Amino acid sequence: MSRTVSRRIGQQAFRQDGLALSRSVYQPFVNTFAGRQQQQCFAATSPSHKISTRPEAVSPLARQRLNRPIAPHLTTYRWRINMVLSSLNRITGVALSGAFYAFGAIYMIWHPSIETIAAGFAAWPVVLQVAAKFGVALPFTFHCFNGASHLVWDAAKMITNRQVTRMAWGVVGLGVGSAMGLAVLL
C-alpha cells in the first residue's frame, strides 16, 4: 500500500511543471507549520496574568510588588565585605594564573637569563622596586589567605554573619600586611 502511494506521489510530481511538488504533498506540512506559528504568536501576545481590581490589589504589598525590578540586579543588594572578597578571590586567581602563563610564554620565547632579569630589576629605584614587589605579592597573599578562609567555611566553621565579617577583614589585614612585609624584606 505505501509503495503504491509513494509511487503515485512521485509520478504526480513529475507530471506537474517538471519536478515541482504537488499541493497534496506539501500542503499538509504548510498547514501544520502555519497552525503552529499562529499558536506560538497567540501564546506570545496573550498576557500571563490578569490585573485584579479587588481591594487586595491596592494593598501596600501589591504596590511594593509593582516597584520591584523584574530580575535581580546588583543595585538591589547591599554590598558586604565577604561578597567583594569572594569576587576578588576569583579575580586574583585568574590574574595569578594568567601572569604565570604569560611569564612562562615570555621565558620560552625570549630565553632571558635569571641574571639579566635580576640585574634589570636592581637598576630600578628602590621605591619602584618595593611598589612592584607589593603589586606582585598582594594578589598572591590575598588569594592564599582568602582561599584558607573559604576552606574554613567549607568545613562549616565560623559561618555566622559576625564571624564571616571578622574573617573577611582579617584576610584583608593579613593579605596587605604580609604583602608589605614581602615587598620590604625581599
C-alpha atoms as a PDB file:
ATOM      1  CA  MET A   1       0.000   0.000   0.000  1.00  0.00           C
ATOM      2  CA  SER A   2       2.704   2.513   0.983  1.00  0.00           C
ATOM      3  CA  ARG A   3       4.695   1.732  -2.175  1.00  0.00           C
ATOM      4  CA  THR A   4       1.678   2.484  -4.303  1.00  0.00           C
ATOM      5  CA  VAL A   5       1.046   5.811  -2.563  1.00  0.00           C
ATOM      6  CA  SER A   6       4.673   6.891  -2.779  1.00  0.00           C
ATOM      7  CA  ARG A   7       4.815   5.885  -6.452  1.00  0.00           C
ATOM      8  CA  ARG A   8       1.704   7.942  -7.220  1.00  0.00           C
ATOM      9  CA  ILE A   9       3.076  10.976  -5.401  1.00  0.00           C
ATOM     10  CA  GLY A  10       6.328  10.702  -7.310  1.00  0.00           C
ATOM     11  CA  GLN A  11       4.516  10.420 -10.635  1.00  0.00           C
ATOM     12  CA  GLN A  12       2.364  13.460  -9.842  1.00  0.00           C
ATOM     13  CA  ALA A  13       5.454  15.489  -9.083  1.00  0.00           C
ATOM     14  CA  PHE A  14       6.928  14.694 -12.491  1.00  0.00           C
ATOM     15  CA  ARG A  15       3.678  15.438 -14.310  1.00  0.00           C
ATOM     16  CA  GLN A  16       3.225  18.966 -12.931  1.00  0.00           C
ATOM     17  CA  ASP A  17       5.739  21.608 -14.019  1.00  0.00           C
ATOM     18  CA  GLY A  18       8.799  19.463 -14.163  1.00  0.00           C
ATOM     19  CA  LEU A  19       9.971  18.453 -10.692  1.00  0.00           C
ATOM     20  CA  ALA A  20       7.624  20.703  -8.711  1.00  0.00           C
ATOM     21  CA  LEU A  21       5.803  19.012  -5.858  1.00  0.00           C
ATOM     22  CA  SER A  22       2.053  18.814  -5.957  1.00  0.00           C
ATOM     23  CA  ARG A  23      -0.112  20.691  -3.494  1.00  0.00           C
ATOM     24  CA  SER A  24      -1.377  17.456  -1.993  1.00  0.00           C
ATOM     25  CA  VAL A  25       2.142  16.537  -0.932  1.00  0.00           C
ATOM     26  CA  TYR A  26       3.332  19.719   0.762  1.00  0.00           C
ATOM     27  CA  GLN A  27       0.046  21.391   1.754  1.00  0.00           C
ATOM     28  CA  PRO A  28      -0.437  19.360   4.984  1.00  0.00           C
ATOM     29  CA  PHE A  29       3.048  20.414   6.115  1.00  0.00           C
ATOM     30  CA  VAL A  30       2.357  24.058   5.319  1.00  0.00           C
ATOM     31  CA  ASN A  31      -0.935  23.954   7.210  1.00  0.00           C
ATOM     32  CA  THR A  32       0.704  22.332  10.211  1.00  0.00           C
ATOM     33  CA  PHE A  33       3.538  24.857  10.243  1.00  0.00           C
ATOM     34  CA  ALA A  34       1.172  27.805   9.847  1.00  0.00           C
ATOM     35  CA  GLY A  35      -1.012  26.480  12.661  1.00  0.00           C
ATOM     36  CA  ARG A  36       1.981  26.214  14.944  1.00  0.00           C
ATOM     37  CA  GLN A  37       3.075  29.706  14.056  1.00  0.00           C
ATOM     38  CA  GLN A  38      -0.360  31.091  14.854  1.00  0.00           C
ATOM     39  CA  GLN A  39      -0.416  29.243  18.155  1.00  0.00           C
ATOM     40  CA  GLN A  40       3.045  30.492  19.123  1.00  0.00           C
ATOM     41  CA  CYS A  41       2.188  34.029  18.108  1.00  0.00           C
ATOM     42  CA  PHE A  42      -1.019  33.894  20.120  1.00  0.00           C
ATOM     43  CA  ALA A  43       0.795  32.460  23.138  1.00  0.00           C
ATOM     44  CA  ALA A  44       3.429  35.171  22.972  1.00  0.00           C
ATOM     45  CA  THR A  45       0.925  38.026  22.850  1.00  0.00           C
ATOM     46  CA  SER A  46      -1.588  36.877  25.438  1.00  0.00           C
ATOM     47  CA  PRO A  47      -0.989  38.144  28.991  1.00  0.00           C
ATOM     48  CA  SER A  48       0.216  35.627  31.515  1.00  0.00           C
ATOM     49  CA  HIS A  49      -1.869  37.075  34.336  1.00  0.00           C
ATOM     50  CA  LYS A  50      -4.806  39.381  34.857  1.00  0.00           C
ATOM     51  CA  ILE A  51      -4.588  42.539  36.924  1.00  0.00           C
ATOM     52  CA  SER A  52      -7.013  42.287  39.771  1.00  0.00           C
ATOM     53  CA  THR A  53      -9.275  45.202  40.674  1.00  0.00           C
ATOM     54  CA  ARG A  54     -10.137  43.753  44.069  1.00  0.00           C
ATOM     55  CA  PRO A  55      -9.145  45.614  47.237  1.00  0.00           C
ATOM     56  CA  GLU A  56      -6.152  43.266  47.645  1.00  0.00           C
ATOM     57  CA  ALA A  57      -4.590  44.781  44.538  1.00  0.00           C
ATOM     58  CA  VAL A  58      -4.250  48.158  46.206  1.00  0.00           C
ATOM     59  CA  SER A  59      -2.690  46.804  49.367  1.00  0.00           C
ATOM     60  CA  PRO A  60       0.817  48.004  50.287  1.00  0.00           C
ATOM     61  CA  LEU A  61       2.256  44.594  49.473  1.00  0.00           C
ATOM     62  CA  ALA A  62       0.814  44.681  45.964  1.00  0.00           C
ATOM     63  CA  ARG A  63       2.159  48.199  45.409  1.00  0.00           C
ATOM     64  CA  GLN A  64       5.606  47.090  46.585  1.00  0.00           C
ATOM     65  CA  ARG A  65       5.460  44.196  44.155  1.00  0.00           C
ATOM     66  CA  LEU A  66       4.888  46.608  41.287  1.00  0.00           C
ATOM     67  CA  ASN A  67       8.032  48.575  42.179  1.00  0.00           C
ATOM     68  CA  ARG A  68      10.326  45.546  42.291  1.00  0.00           C
ATOM     69  CA  PRO A  69      12.814  45.018  39.485  1.00  0.00           C
ATOM     70  CA  ILE A  70      11.968  42.262  37.041  1.00  0.00           C
ATOM     71  CA  ALA A  71      15.283  40.480  37.589  1.00  0.00           C
ATOM     72  CA  PRO A  72      17.782  40.772  40.454  1.00  0.00           C
ATOM     73  CA  HIS A  73      20.328  43.464  39.826  1.00  0.00           C
ATOM     74  CA  LEU A  74      23.491  44.413  41.660  1.00  0.00           C
ATOM     75  CA  THR A  75      21.912  47.632  42.867  1.00  0.00           C
ATOM     76  CA  THR A  76      19.312  45.677  44.842  1.00  0.00           C
ATOM     77  CA  TYR A  77      21.925  44.057  47.053  1.00  0.00           C
ATOM     78  CA  ARG A  78      23.659  45.653  49.999  1.00  0.00           C
ATOM     79  CA  TRP A  79      27.368  45.191  49.395  1.00  0.00           C
ATOM     80  CA  ARG A  80      29.112  43.227  52.113  1.00  0.00           C
ATOM     81  CA  ILE A  81      32.809  42.652  52.583  1.00  0.00           C
ATOM     82  CA  ASN A  82      32.527  38.894  52.036  1.00  0.00           C
ATOM     83  CA  MET A  83      30.794  39.430  48.667  1.00  0.00           C
ATOM     84  CA  VAL A  84      33.603  41.673  47.482  1.00  0.00           C
ATOM     85  CA  LEU A  85      36.352  39.402  48.780  1.00  0.00           C
ATOM     86  CA  SER A  86      34.778  36.336  47.202  1.00  0.00           C
ATOM     87  CA  SER A  87      34.801  38.087  43.832  1.00  0.00           C
ATOM     88  CA  LEU A  88      38.338  39.352  44.368  1.00  0.00           C
ATOM     89  CA  ASN A  89      39.458  35.822  45.253  1.00  0.00           C
ATOM     90  CA  ARG A  90      38.370  34.626  41.828  1.00  0.00           C
ATOM     91  CA  ILE A  91      39.835  37.680  40.096  1.00  0.00           C
ATOM     92  CA  THR A  92      43.212  37.306  41.809  1.00  0.00           C
ATOM     93  CA  GLY A  93      43.248  33.601  40.971  1.00  0.00           C
ATOM     94  CA  VAL A  94      42.718  34.362  37.287  1.00  0.00           C
ATOM     95  CA  ALA A  95      45.295  37.176  37.397  1.00  0.00           C
ATOM     96  CA  LEU A  96      47.910  34.985  39.086  1.00  0.00           C
ATOM     97  CA  SER A  97      47.442  32.087  36.695  1.00  0.00           C
ATOM     98  CA  GLY A  98      47.418  34.454  33.695  1.00  0.00           C
ATOM     99  CA  ALA A  99      50.618  36.137  34.868  1.00  0.00           C
ATOM    100  CA  PHE A 100      52.231  32.741  35.459  1.00  0.00           C
ATOM    101  CA  TYR A 101      51.393  31.560  31.937  1.00  0.00           C
ATOM    102  CA  ALA A 102      52.432  34.893  30.384  1.00  0.00           C
ATOM    103  CA  PHE A 103      55.794  34.806  32.174  1.00  0.00           C
ATOM    104  CA  GLY A 104      56.274  31.183  31.114  1.00  0.00           C
ATOM    105  CA  ALA A 105      55.489  32.013  27.484  1.00  0.00           C
ATOM    106  CA  ILE A 106      57.830  35.015  27.503  1.00  0.00           C
ATOM    107  CA  TYR A 107      60.557  32.920  29.113  1.00  0.00           C
ATOM    108  CA  MET A 108      60.139  30.201  26.483  1.00  0.00           C
ATOM    109  CA  ILE A 109      60.172  32.662  23.563  1.00  0.00           C
ATOM    110  CA  TRP A 110      62.939  35.086  24.574  1.00  0.00           C
ATOM    111  CA  HIS A 111      65.042  32.875  26.887  1.00  0.00           C
ATOM    112  CA  PRO A 112      66.117  35.676  29.251  1.00  0.00           C
ATOM    113  CA  SER A 113      68.575  34.562  31.884  1.00  0.00           C
ATOM    114  CA  ILE A 114      67.725  34.994  35.550  1.00  0.00           C
ATOM    115  CA  GLU A 115      70.841  37.145  35.976  1.00  0.00           C
ATOM    116  CA  THR A 116      69.599  39.540  33.284  1.00  0.00           C
ATOM    117  CA  ILE A 117      66.175  39.824  34.919  1.00  0.00           C
ATOM    118  CA  ALA A 118      67.712  40.384  38.375  1.00  0.00           C
ATOM    119  CA  ALA A 119      70.188  42.978  37.054  1.00  0.00           C
ATOM    120  CA  GLY A 120      67.410  44.848  35.248  1.00  0.00           C
ATOM    121  CA  PHE A 121      65.251  44.839  38.373  1.00  0.00           C
ATOM    122  CA  ALA A 122      68.151  46.003  40.553  1.00  0.00           C
ATOM    123  CA  ALA A 123      68.614  49.030  38.288  1.00  0.00           C
ATOM    124  CA  TRP A 124      65.160  50.345  39.245  1.00  0.00           C
ATOM    125  CA  PRO A 125      64.777  52.917  42.040  1.00  0.00           C
ATOM    126  CA  VAL A 126      64.073  51.396  45.469  1.00  0.00           C
ATOM    127  CA  VAL A 127      60.569  52.894  45.689  1.00  0.00           C
ATOM    128  CA  LEU A 128      59.647  51.375  42.324  1.00  0.00           C
ATOM    129  CA  GLN A 129      61.117  48.014  43.375  1.00  0.00           C
ATOM    130  CA  VAL A 130      59.030  47.956  46.570  1.00  0.00           C
ATOM    131  CA  ALA A 131      55.896  49.011  44.665  1.00  0.00           C
ATOM    132  CA  ALA A 132      56.433  46.306  42.022  1.00  0.00           C
ATOM    133  CA  LYS A 133      57.063  43.631  44.648  1.00  0.00           C
ATOM    134  CA  PHE A 134      53.985  44.765  46.578  1.00  0.00           C
ATOM    135  CA  GLY A 135      51.926  44.618  43.373  1.00  0.00           C
ATOM    136  CA  VAL A 136      53.045  41.040  42.761  1.00  0.00           C
ATOM    137  CA  ALA A 137      52.832  39.911  46.397  1.00  0.00           C
ATOM    138  CA  LEU A 138      49.388  41.353  47.211  1.00  0.00           C
ATOM    139  CA  PRO A 139      47.335  39.170  44.839  1.00  0.00           C
ATOM    140  CA  PHE A 140      49.321  36.117  45.922  1.00  0.00           C
ATOM    141  CA  THR A 141      48.973  36.655  49.676  1.00  0.00           C
ATOM    142  CA  PHE A 142      45.366  37.775  49.396  1.00  0.00           C
ATOM    143  CA  HIS A 143      44.459  34.722  47.304  1.00  0.00           C
ATOM    144  CA  CYS A 144      46.212  32.394  49.757  1.00  0.00           C
ATOM    145  CA  PHE A 145      44.541  33.820  52.871  1.00  0.00           C
ATOM    146  CA  ASN A 146      41.145  34.120  51.220  1.00  0.00           C
ATOM    147  CA  GLY A 147      41.442  30.548  49.949  1.00  0.00           C
ATOM    148  CA  ALA A 148      42.179  29.432  53.512  1.00  0.00           C
ATOM    149  CA  SER A 149      39.070  31.243  54.753  1.00  0.00           C
ATOM    150  CA  HIS A 150      36.992  29.521  52.075  1.00  0.00           C
ATOM    151  CA  LEU A 151      38.347  26.172  53.266  1.00  0.00           C
ATOM    152  CA  VAL A 152      37.322  27.062  56.824  1.00  0.00           C
ATOM    153  CA  TRP A 153      33.812  27.885  55.587  1.00  0.00           C
ATOM    154  CA  ASP A 154      33.706  24.629  53.608  1.00  0.00           C
ATOM    155  CA  ALA A 155      34.316  22.817  56.893  1.00  0.00           C
ATOM    156  CA  ALA A 156      31.220  24.602  58.287  1.00  0.00           C
ATOM    157  CA  LYS A 157      33.285  26.579  60.782  1.00  0.00           C
ATOM    158  CA  MET A 158      32.930  30.297  61.516  1.00  0.00           C
ATOM    159  CA  ILE A 159      29.828  30.714  59.363  1.00  0.00           C
ATOM    160  CA  THR A 160      27.795  33.178  61.387  1.00  0.00           C
ATOM    161  CA  ASN A 161      27.498  36.647  59.856  1.00  0.00           C
ATOM    162  CA  ARG A 162      29.672  38.250  62.505  1.00  0.00           C
ATOM    163  CA  GLN A 163      32.405  35.608  62.180  1.00  0.00           C
ATOM    164  CA  VAL A 164      32.371  35.834  58.388  1.00  0.00           C
ATOM    165  CA  THR A 165      32.772  39.619  58.526  1.00  0.00           C
ATOM    166  CA  ARG A 166      35.601  39.371  61.054  1.00  0.00           C
ATOM    167  CA  MET A 167      37.369  36.747  58.988  1.00  0.00           C
ATOM    168  CA  ALA A 168      36.985  38.866  55.850  1.00  0.00           C
ATOM    169  CA  TRP A 169      38.595  41.884  57.489  1.00  0.00           C
ATOM    170  CA  GLY A 170      41.281  39.563  58.867  1.00  0.00           C
ATOM    171  CA  VAL A 171      42.001  38.357  55.335  1.00  0.00           C
ATOM    172  CA  VAL A 172      42.344  41.963  54.161  1.00  0.00           C
ATOM    173  CA  GLY A 173      44.687  42.812  57.043  1.00  0.00           C
ATOM    174  CA  LEU A 174      46.805  39.679  56.709  1.00  0.00           C
ATOM    175  CA  GLY A 175      46.969  39.990  52.926  1.00  0.00           C
ATOM    176  CA  VAL A 176      48.058  43.628  52.899  1.00  0.00           C
ATOM    177  CA  GLY A 177      50.401  43.210  55.880  1.00  0.00           C
ATOM    178  CA  SER A 178      52.139  40.121  54.550  1.00  0.00           C
ATOM    179  CA  ALA A 179      52.403  41.635  51.057  1.00  0.00           C
ATOM    180  CA  MET A 180      54.017  44.739  52.532  1.00  0.00           C
ATOM    181  CA  GLY A 181      56.374  42.552  54.560  1.00  0.00           C
ATOM    182  CA  LEU A 182      57.360  40.543  51.489  1.00  0.00           C
ATOM    183  CA  ALA A 183      57.845  43.711  49.443  1.00  0.00           C
ATOM    184  CA  VAL A 184      60.148  45.283  52.025  1.00  0.00           C
ATOM    185  CA  LEU A 185      62.082  42.154  53.050  1.00  0.00           C
ATOM    186  CA  LEU A 186      62.869  40.602  49.717  1.00  0.00           C
END
